[in-house]
């Protein structure tokens, strides 16, 4: 749950579990802090997903980068989504809004969706972390470098096994066998072919049979085919909107084109799936647009660069490491950043205060989180040219912090 959000809002971590039980599935017990079968059933009832008379399956559509703020502002370009949104707003139920996790970023949020557990439990605490294989106790004078970071999306280079690193079982893995047949139902994931066996898939979404479909327009047919074969639960990923937002900003014509493609794909999905199929659409995060005037470079501010030996996370939710992870130094760095940034930061705190933003923080997350965490306000970003590439620093569409535009995502339910 994001700081400052309405605690009555549904949470992203509930969505996949609620969809699973709506499809007639049951969940085995998970670790403490992960979504339980009982919690999933309560969410399904609250969202109107518990009617057993449909006898059809459920499709969870995850639209990467589609915040509710963006959808509402651009609803005129998406007649299908606009109708779902209007229905949810008129129904008086828990939709059309849900809240994602913090940091509001893909690696953290997709794993939260996939496991029913927050980043503080999974350890998926950002786009990147200081590589745990290289150690965190860096000496004074160490120059921050991107080569020391581990990307929790790509897992490239020297990296731990993502399955061992993120060992909270996924909702897919927790689906129990049918008591009548004794066989475990197959669940299917539809998305780009390159995601099969990827680091993020293994970490946060393992346990489903992956069907590789690269064109967005072809994914509805693949999802419908899986359902007609008897698959009760299908996860369908849409990443095109997020790519357009990062490259061009969410207010761009390119982003609108991708929203229109998504809307057409949802119309096609409802047309193709068996009657009675439920479709639950949500997102991992929203987005804000930034520009050069709103970028703060660490190297241009001696008070910010002092005692910082590594920079990870992302420009909207930056993680700083201090020499030897010394708590006193971390507090001093946090004080300097707080004073320097002023109202440009929503929150600056130490690792021991991370629970204020992330919720409960377990040993794995505590071991990789930065010594100082910085969540940015408005459309401000923090970049470091020693760590970030020129392209990454110039990216117009960003996310990761706890503003409404980043953390409030759609929760839309439709039935074929």
Protein backbone atom coordinates (compact mmCIF):
# COMPACT_ATOMS: atom_id res chain seq x y z
CA UNK A 1 0.00 0.00 0.00
CA UNK A 2 1.41 3.36 -1.03
CA UNK A 3 1.89 6.04 1.59
CA UNK A 4 -0.98 8.49 1.63
CA UNK A 5 -3.39 6.35 -0.42
CA UNK A 6 -6.90 5.38 0.61
CA UNK A 7 -6.56 2.20 2.72
CA UNK A 8 -9.96 1.02 1.49
CA UNK A 9 -8.73 0.68 -2.09
CA UNK A 10 -8.14 -2.81 -3.45
CA UNK A 11 -4.47 -3.71 -3.77
CA UNK A 12 -2.64 -5.01 -6.82
CA UNK A 13 -1.36 -7.93 -4.75
CA UNK A 14 -4.96 -9.21 -4.46
CA UNK A 15 -5.77 -9.28 -8.16
CA UNK A 16 -4.25 -12.54 -9.43
CA UNK A 17 -5.41 -14.51 -6.39
CA UNK A 18 -8.96 -13.15 -6.68
CA UNK A 19 -8.95 -14.02 -10.38
CA UNK A 20 -7.74 -17.54 -9.60
CA UNK A 21 -10.53 -18.29 -7.15
CA UNK A 22 -13.05 -16.69 -9.52
CA UNK A 23 -11.97 -19.34 -12.05
CA UNK A 24 -12.76 -22.10 -9.56
CA UNK A 25 -9.22 -22.60 -8.31
CA UNK A 26 -7.94 -22.89 -4.75
CA UNK A 27 -4.62 -21.66 -3.38
CA UNK A 28 -2.27 -23.59 -1.15
CA UNK A 29 -0.82 -21.82 1.86
CA UNK A 30 1.99 -19.35 1.23
CA UNK A 31 4.48 -17.68 3.57
CA UNK A 32 3.38 -15.17 6.16
CA UNK A 33 2.54 -11.86 4.51
CA UNK A 34 1.51 -13.38 1.16
CA UNK A 35 -2.11 -13.34 0.03
CA UNK A 36 -4.07 -16.24 1.48
CA UNK A 37 -6.83 -18.25 -0.17
CA UNK A 38 -9.32 -16.72 2.27
CA UNK A 39 -8.17 -13.18 1.44
CA UNK A 40 -8.40 -13.94 -2.28
CA UNK A 41 -11.97 -15.17 -1.82
CA UNK A 42 -12.96 -12.07 0.13
CA UNK A 43 -11.56 -9.87 -2.66
CA UNK A 44 -13.36 -11.91 -5.32
CA UNK A 45 -16.66 -11.50 -3.46
CA UNK A 46 -16.12 -7.77 -3.02
CA UNK A 47 -15.38 -7.37 -6.74
CA UNK A 48 -18.33 -9.50 -7.90
CA UNK A 49 -16.11 -12.30 -9.18
CA UNK A 50 -17.45 -15.14 -7.04
CA UNK A 51 -20.52 -16.17 -9.03
CA UNK A 52 -19.94 -19.90 -9.68
CA UNK A 53 -22.71 -20.18 -12.27
CA UNK A 54 -20.68 -18.85 -15.20
CA UNK A 55 -18.55 -21.99 -15.48
CA UNK A 56 -16.07 -20.07 -17.60
CA UNK A 57 -12.50 -19.01 -17.02
CA UNK A 58 -10.88 -15.73 -16.12
CA UNK A 59 -8.37 -13.58 -18.02
CA UNK A 60 -6.17 -11.14 -16.09
CA UNK A 61 -4.93 -8.39 -18.41
CA UNK A 62 -1.89 -6.56 -17.04
CA UNK A 63 -1.26 -3.30 -18.92
CA UNK A 64 2.22 -2.12 -18.11
CA UNK A 65 2.29 1.61 -17.40
CA UNK A 66 -1.45 2.42 -17.53
CA UNK A 67 -2.29 4.56 -14.51
CA UNK A 68 -5.91 5.44 -13.79
CA UNK A 69 -5.04 9.14 -14.07
CA UNK A 70 -3.80 8.59 -17.62
CA UNK A 71 -6.75 6.42 -18.61
CA UNK A 72 -9.28 8.95 -17.34
CA UNK A 73 -7.60 11.82 -19.16
CA UNK A 74 -7.36 9.89 -22.43
CA UNK A 75 -10.59 7.87 -22.20
CA UNK A 76 -11.90 9.52 -25.35
CA UNK A 77 -9.41 7.45 -27.36
CA UNK A 78 -10.47 4.15 -25.78
CA UNK A 79 -14.22 3.47 -26.18
CA UNK A 80 -14.05 -0.09 -24.81
CA UNK A 81 -12.05 0.85 -21.74
CA UNK A 82 -14.21 3.95 -21.33
CA UNK A 83 -17.31 1.76 -21.13
CA UNK A 84 -15.68 -0.52 -18.53
CA UNK A 85 -14.57 2.54 -16.59
CA UNK A 86 -18.06 4.07 -16.68
CA UNK A 87 -19.60 0.80 -15.51
CA UNK A 88 -17.18 0.58 -12.60
CA UNK A 89 -17.76 4.20 -11.60
CA UNK A 90 -21.52 3.72 -11.67
CA UNK A 91 -21.55 0.41 -9.81
CA UNK A 92 -20.32 1.80 -6.48
CA UNK A 93 -18.05 -1.19 -5.97
CA UNK A 94 -14.29 -1.35 -5.30
CA UNK A 95 -13.32 -0.40 -8.86
CA UNK A 96 -12.29 1.35 -10.95
CA UNK A 97 -9.19 2.00 -8.85
CA UNK A 98 -6.59 -0.17 -7.17
CA UNK A 99 -3.27 0.72 -5.59
CA UNK A 100 0.05 -0.76 -6.61
CA UNK A 101 3.14 -1.28 -4.46
CA UNK A 102 6.15 0.91 -3.79
CA UNK A 103 8.41 1.41 -5.56
CA UNK A 104 5.81 1.81 -8.32
CA UNK A 105 7.94 0.04 -10.88
CA UNK A 106 7.64 -3.05 -13.05
CA UNK A 107 9.98 -5.52 -11.35
CA UNK A 108 8.45 -4.80 -7.94
CA UNK A 109 4.83 -4.62 -9.08
CA UNK A 110 4.72 -7.62 -11.42
CA UNK A 111 6.21 -9.73 -8.64
CA UNK A 112 3.67 -8.31 -6.19
CA UNK A 113 0.90 -9.27 -8.63
CA UNK A 114 2.44 -12.68 -9.24
CA UNK A 115 3.07 -13.62 -5.61
CA UNK A 116 0.43 -11.69 -3.67
CA UNK A 117 3.27 -10.31 -1.53
CA UNK A 118 4.85 -6.86 -1.32
CA UNK A 119 8.41 -5.92 -2.32
CA UNK A 120 9.49 -5.93 1.31
CA UNK A 121 8.81 -9.67 1.37
CA UNK A 122 9.94 -10.62 -2.14
CA UNK A 123 13.09 -8.49 -2.16
CA UNK A 124 12.12 -7.09 -5.59
CA UNK A 125 12.56 -3.54 -4.39
CA UNK A 126 13.17 -1.58 -7.58
CA UNK A 127 14.37 -1.50 -11.16
CA UNK A 128 17.89 -2.13 -9.89
CA UNK A 129 19.71 -2.89 -6.66
CA UNK A 130 23.35 -3.00 -5.67
CA UNK A 131 24.36 -6.49 -6.81
CA UNK A 132 24.28 -8.69 -3.69
CA UNK A 133 26.98 -10.93 -5.13
CA UNK A 134 29.40 -8.00 -5.01
CA UNK A 135 28.65 -6.98 -1.42
CA UNK A 136 27.28 -3.73 -0.02
CA UNK A 137 30.06 -2.62 2.33
CA UNK A 138 31.83 -0.31 -0.10
CA UNK A 139 34.72 1.81 1.19
CA UNK A 140 34.76 5.60 1.33
CA UNK A 141 35.84 7.12 -1.96
CA UNK A 142 34.13 4.48 -4.11
CA UNK A 143 32.70 6.12 -7.22
CA UNK A 144 29.11 5.11 -8.04
CA UNK A 145 28.91 2.93 -11.14
CA UNK A 146 26.08 1.23 -12.97
CA UNK A 147 28.25 -1.87 -13.36
CA UNK A 148 27.74 -2.66 -9.67
CA UNK A 149 23.97 -2.74 -10.04
CA UNK A 150 21.77 -5.74 -10.74
CA UNK A 151 18.74 -5.07 -12.96
CA UNK A 152 15.78 -6.97 -11.53
CA UNK A 153 14.10 -7.09 -14.93
CA UNK A 154 16.90 -8.41 -17.14
CA UNK A 155 19.13 -10.17 -14.53
CA UNK A 156 22.02 -9.74 -16.95
CA UNK A 157 25.64 -10.37 -16.07
CA UNK A 158 26.76 -11.83 -12.76
CA UNK A 159 23.48 -12.44 -10.98
CA UNK A 160 21.94 -14.77 -8.41
CA UNK A 161 19.40 -17.36 -9.52
CA UNK A 162 16.12 -15.39 -9.70
CA UNK A 163 14.14 -18.39 -8.39
CA UNK A 164 16.37 -18.67 -5.35
CA UNK A 165 16.58 -14.91 -4.89
CA UNK A 166 12.80 -14.46 -4.99
CA UNK A 167 11.60 -17.62 -3.25
CA UNK A 168 8.07 -16.57 -2.33
CA UNK A 169 5.90 -19.01 -4.34
CA UNK A 170 3.75 -17.42 -7.03
CA UNK A 171 -0.03 -17.63 -7.21
CA UNK A 172 0.47 -19.88 -10.25
CA UNK A 173 2.62 -22.26 -8.20
CA UNK A 174 0.11 -22.29 -5.35
CA UNK A 175 -2.84 -23.45 -7.48
CA UNK A 176 -4.00 -26.71 -5.89
CA UNK A 177 -4.90 -29.94 -7.65
CA UNK A 178 -8.52 -30.61 -8.55
CA UNK A 179 -9.87 -32.77 -5.71
CA UNK A 180 -11.97 -34.86 -8.12
CA UNK A 181 -9.24 -35.70 -10.65
CA UNK A 182 -6.16 -35.21 -8.51
CA UNK A 183 -4.53 -33.25 -11.32
CA UNK A 184 -3.25 -29.71 -11.04
CA UNK A 185 -4.94 -27.31 -13.51
CA UNK A 186 -2.75 -25.66 -16.11
CA UNK A 187 -2.59 -21.89 -16.09
CA UNK A 188 -1.35 -19.95 -19.10
CA UNK A 189 0.63 -16.75 -19.55
CA UNK A 190 0.35 -14.93 -22.90
CA UNK A 191 2.98 -12.36 -23.80
CA UNK A 192 6.09 -11.67 -25.88
CA UNK A 193 8.16 -14.75 -26.71
CA UNK A 194 11.29 -13.30 -25.11
CA UNK A 195 9.64 -13.47 -21.69
CA UNK A 196 9.76 -17.26 -21.60
CA UNK A 197 12.32 -18.14 -18.94
CA UNK A 198 13.41 -14.53 -18.44
CA UNK A 199 14.79 -13.45 -15.09
CA UNK A 200 11.70 -11.47 -14.14
CA UNK A 201 9.38 -14.28 -15.24
CA UNK A 202 11.31 -16.77 -13.13
CA UNK A 203 11.32 -14.43 -10.16
CA UNK A 204 7.74 -13.22 -10.13
CA UNK A 205 5.52 -15.11 -12.57
CA UNK A 206 6.85 -18.66 -12.72
CA UNK A 207 4.49 -21.60 -12.71
CA UNK A 208 2.38 -20.77 -15.77
CA UNK A 209 2.75 -22.26 -19.24
CA UNK A 210 4.07 -19.42 -21.37
CA UNK A 211 2.54 -18.87 -24.82
CA UNK A 212 4.79 -16.53 -26.77
CA UNK A 213 2.85 -14.02 -28.89
CA UNK A 214 4.77 -10.96 -29.99
CA UNK A 215 2.02 -8.91 -31.68
CA UNK A 216 -0.51 -7.35 -29.35
CA UNK A 217 -3.27 -7.96 -31.88
CA UNK A 218 -2.61 -11.72 -31.79
CA UNK A 219 -2.73 -12.13 -28.01
CA UNK A 220 -6.55 -12.15 -27.63
CA UNK A 221 -6.79 -15.17 -29.94
CA UNK A 222 -4.11 -17.00 -27.98
CA UNK A 223 -5.90 -16.29 -24.70
CA UNK A 224 -9.23 -17.45 -26.14
CA UNK A 225 -7.67 -20.61 -27.50
CA UNK A 226 -6.25 -21.47 -24.09
CA UNK A 227 -9.65 -20.97 -22.47
CA UNK A 228 -11.39 -23.16 -25.04
CA UNK A 229 -8.89 -25.92 -24.27
CA UNK A 230 -10.10 -25.81 -20.68
CA UNK A 231 -7.52 -23.52 -19.12
CA UNK A 232 -9.29 -21.81 -16.20
CA UNK A 233 -6.91 -18.87 -15.69
CA UNK A 234 -5.01 -16.85 -18.32
CA UNK A 235 -2.61 -13.99 -17.67
CA UNK A 236 -2.21 -11.62 -20.64
CA UNK A 237 0.56 -9.03 -20.62
CA UNK A 238 0.53 -5.77 -22.59
CA UNK A 239 3.78 -3.79 -22.54
CA UNK A 240 3.47 -1.56 -25.57
CA UNK A 241 1.99 1.37 -23.68
CA UNK A 242 4.84 1.44 -21.17
CA UNK A 243 7.47 1.41 -23.93
CA UNK A 244 5.76 4.33 -25.67
CA UNK A 245 5.49 6.26 -22.42
CA UNK A 246 9.15 5.84 -21.55
CA UNK A 247 10.32 6.79 -25.04
CA UNK A 248 7.92 9.63 -25.82
CA UNK A 249 5.96 10.51 -22.67
CA UNK A 250 2.40 9.49 -21.89
CA UNK A 251 0.96 12.68 -23.36
CA UNK A 252 2.50 11.90 -26.76
CA UNK A 253 0.72 10.87 -29.96
CA UNK A 254 2.71 7.61 -29.87
CA UNK A 255 1.30 6.75 -26.44
CA UNK A 256 -2.23 7.46 -27.68
CA UNK A 257 -1.69 5.13 -30.63
CA UNK A 258 -0.75 2.34 -28.25
CA UNK A 259 -3.79 3.08 -26.05
CA UNK A 260 -5.99 2.74 -29.13
CA UNK A 261 -4.30 -0.58 -30.00
CA UNK A 262 -4.93 -1.80 -26.47
CA UNK A 263 -8.58 -0.78 -26.65
CA UNK A 264 -9.08 -2.62 -29.94
CA UNK A 265 -7.38 -5.69 -28.48
CA UNK A 266 -9.77 -5.69 -25.51
CA UNK A 267 -12.75 -5.54 -27.88
CA UNK A 268 -11.28 -8.49 -29.75
CA UNK A 269 -10.66 -10.38 -26.51
CA UNK A 270 -14.31 -10.11 -25.46
CA UNK A 271 -15.38 -11.17 -28.95
CA UNK A 272 -13.23 -14.30 -28.96
CA UNK A 273 -13.39 -15.72 -25.43
CA UNK A 274 -16.12 -18.22 -24.45
CA UNK A 275 -19.35 -16.77 -23.12
CA UNK A 276 -19.22 -16.12 -19.40
CA UNK A 277 -15.47 -15.51 -19.35
CA UNK A 278 -14.46 -12.78 -16.92
CA UNK A 279 -11.82 -10.23 -17.88
CA UNK A 280 -10.00 -8.35 -15.11
CA UNK A 281 -7.84 -5.48 -16.35
CA UNK A 282 -5.28 -3.77 -14.17
CA UNK A 283 -1.78 -2.27 -14.37
CA UNK A 284 1.52 -2.41 -12.53
CA UNK A 285 1.98 1.37 -12.25
CA UNK A 286 1.15 4.69 -13.85
CA UNK A 287 3.57 7.33 -15.13
CA UNK A 288 4.53 11.00 -15.02
CA UNK A 289 6.22 13.04 -17.73
CA UNK A 290 9.38 14.92 -16.88
CA UNK A 291 11.92 17.06 -18.73
CA UNK A 292 15.41 18.49 -18.39
CA UNK A 293 14.28 21.34 -16.14
CA UNK A 294 13.06 18.79 -13.58
CA UNK A 295 16.22 16.63 -13.48
CA UNK A 296 18.59 16.87 -10.53
CA UNK A 297 22.09 15.51 -11.21
CA UNK A 298 23.84 14.13 -8.15
CA UNK A 299 27.26 15.16 -9.45
CA UNK A 300 26.17 18.80 -9.81
CA UNK A 301 25.41 19.11 -6.08
CA UNK A 302 28.31 18.44 -3.67
CA UNK A 303 25.88 18.12 -0.76
CA UNK A 304 24.12 15.27 -2.58
CA UNK A 305 27.25 13.50 -3.82
CA UNK A 306 29.01 13.54 -0.45
CA UNK A 307 29.34 10.10 1.17
CA UNK A 308 27.40 8.37 -1.64
CA UNK A 309 29.32 5.33 -2.95
CA UNK A 310 26.55 3.68 -5.00
CA UNK A 311 23.26 4.73 -6.61
CA UNK A 312 20.53 2.22 -7.53
CA UNK A 313 16.74 2.11 -7.84
CA UNK A 314 15.33 4.53 -10.39
CA UNK A 315 15.17 8.30 -10.88
CA UNK A 316 11.79 8.56 -9.10
CA UNK A 317 12.74 6.26 -6.20
CA UNK A 318 16.48 6.48 -5.71
CA UNK A 319 18.48 4.19 -3.45
CA UNK A 320 21.77 5.53 -2.08
CA UNK A 321 24.55 3.54 -0.43
CA UNK A 322 27.05 5.03 2.02
CA UNK A 323 30.52 3.77 3.01
CA UNK A 324 30.28 0.54 4.97
CA UNK A 325 26.49 0.98 5.23
CA UNK A 326 27.19 3.00 8.38
CA UNK A 327 23.87 4.02 10.03
CA UNK A 328 25.19 7.35 11.32
CA UNK A 329 26.48 8.30 7.88
CA UNK A 330 23.17 7.23 6.34
CA UNK A 331 21.26 9.54 8.68
CA UNK A 332 23.57 12.42 7.80
CA UNK A 333 23.15 11.78 4.07
CA UNK A 334 19.37 11.61 4.49
CA UNK A 335 19.41 14.94 6.33
CA UNK A 336 21.49 16.61 3.60
CA UNK A 337 19.27 15.27 0.81
CA UNK A 338 16.15 16.34 2.68
CA UNK A 339 17.52 19.86 3.12
CA UNK A 340 18.80 20.13 -0.47
CA UNK A 341 15.71 18.77 -2.20
CA UNK A 342 13.07 20.40 -0.01
CA UNK A 343 9.61 20.07 -1.53
CA UNK A 344 11.05 18.37 -4.61
CA UNK A 345 11.12 15.16 -2.56
CA UNK A 346 8.04 13.47 -1.15
CA UNK A 347 10.00 11.39 1.34
CA UNK A 348 13.63 10.82 2.31
CA UNK A 349 14.50 8.15 4.86
CA UNK A 350 17.01 5.52 5.90
CA UNK A 351 16.84 1.79 5.30
CA UNK A 352 15.50 1.26 8.80
CA UNK A 353 12.60 3.58 7.93
CA UNK A 354 11.80 1.83 4.65
CA UNK A 355 8.73 0.13 6.11
CA UNK A 356 7.04 3.54 6.21
CA UNK A 357 6.86 3.41 2.41
CA UNK A 358 7.21 -0.26 1.45
CA UNK A 359 5.31 -1.92 4.28
CA UNK A 360 6.88 -4.84 6.17
CA UNK A 361 10.52 -5.37 5.17
CA UNK A 362 11.97 -8.86 5.49
CA UNK A 363 15.64 -9.90 5.66
CA UNK A 364 16.14 -10.25 1.89
CA UNK A 365 14.79 -6.80 1.08
CA UNK A 366 16.62 -5.26 4.02
CA UNK A 367 19.84 -6.77 2.72
CA UNK A 368 19.64 -5.05 -0.69
CA UNK A 369 17.78 -1.81 -0.06
CA UNK A 370 19.85 1.35 -0.19
CA UNK A 371 21.01 2.90 3.05
CA UNK A 372 19.02 6.01 2.09
CA UNK A 373 15.82 6.05 0.03
CA UNK A 374 14.48 9.07 -1.85
CA UNK A 375 10.95 9.27 -3.30
CA UNK A 376 10.50 12.29 -5.56
CA UNK A 377 7.55 14.69 -5.65
CA UNK A 378 5.70 16.13 -8.64
CA UNK A 379 7.58 15.30 -11.84
CA UNK A 380 11.10 15.61 -10.42
CA UNK A 381 13.79 12.99 -10.98
CA UNK A 382 17.28 12.34 -9.61
CA UNK A 383 19.92 11.07 -12.03
CA UNK A 384 23.63 10.33 -11.81
CA UNK A 385 25.67 10.41 -15.06
CA UNK A 386 28.16 7.98 -13.50
CA UNK A 387 25.36 5.40 -13.23
CA UNK A 388 22.66 6.28 -15.75
CA UNK A 389 23.12 6.34 -19.52
CA UNK A 390 22.34 9.53 -21.46
CA UNK A 391 19.23 7.84 -22.82
CA UNK A 392 18.01 6.86 -19.38
CA UNK A 393 18.59 10.37 -18.03
CA UNK A 394 16.68 11.93 -20.94
CA UNK A 395 13.71 9.53 -20.68
CA UNK A 396 10.53 11.65 -20.68
CA UNK A 397 8.18 9.07 -19.10
CA UNK A 398 9.12 7.89 -15.60
CA UNK A 399 7.62 6.23 -12.53
CA UNK A 400 8.59 4.71 -9.20
CA UNK A 401 7.40 7.21 -6.59
CA UNK A 402 4.18 7.44 -4.60
CA UNK A 403 2.15 10.10 -6.42
CA UNK A 404 -1.40 9.27 -7.43
CA UNK A 405 -0.40 9.31 -11.11
CA UNK A 406 2.08 6.50 -10.43
CA UNK A 407 0.38 4.38 -7.78
CA UNK A 408 -3.35 4.37 -8.61
CA UNK A 409 -4.07 1.85 -11.37
CA UNK A 410 -7.26 0.64 -13.04
CA UNK A 411 -9.28 -2.27 -11.70
CA UNK A 412 -11.85 -2.99 -14.40
CA UNK A 413 -14.01 -6.10 -14.66
CA UNK A 414 -15.95 -7.22 -17.72
CA UNK A 415 -17.73 -10.40 -18.72
CA UNK A 416 -18.15 -11.88 -22.18
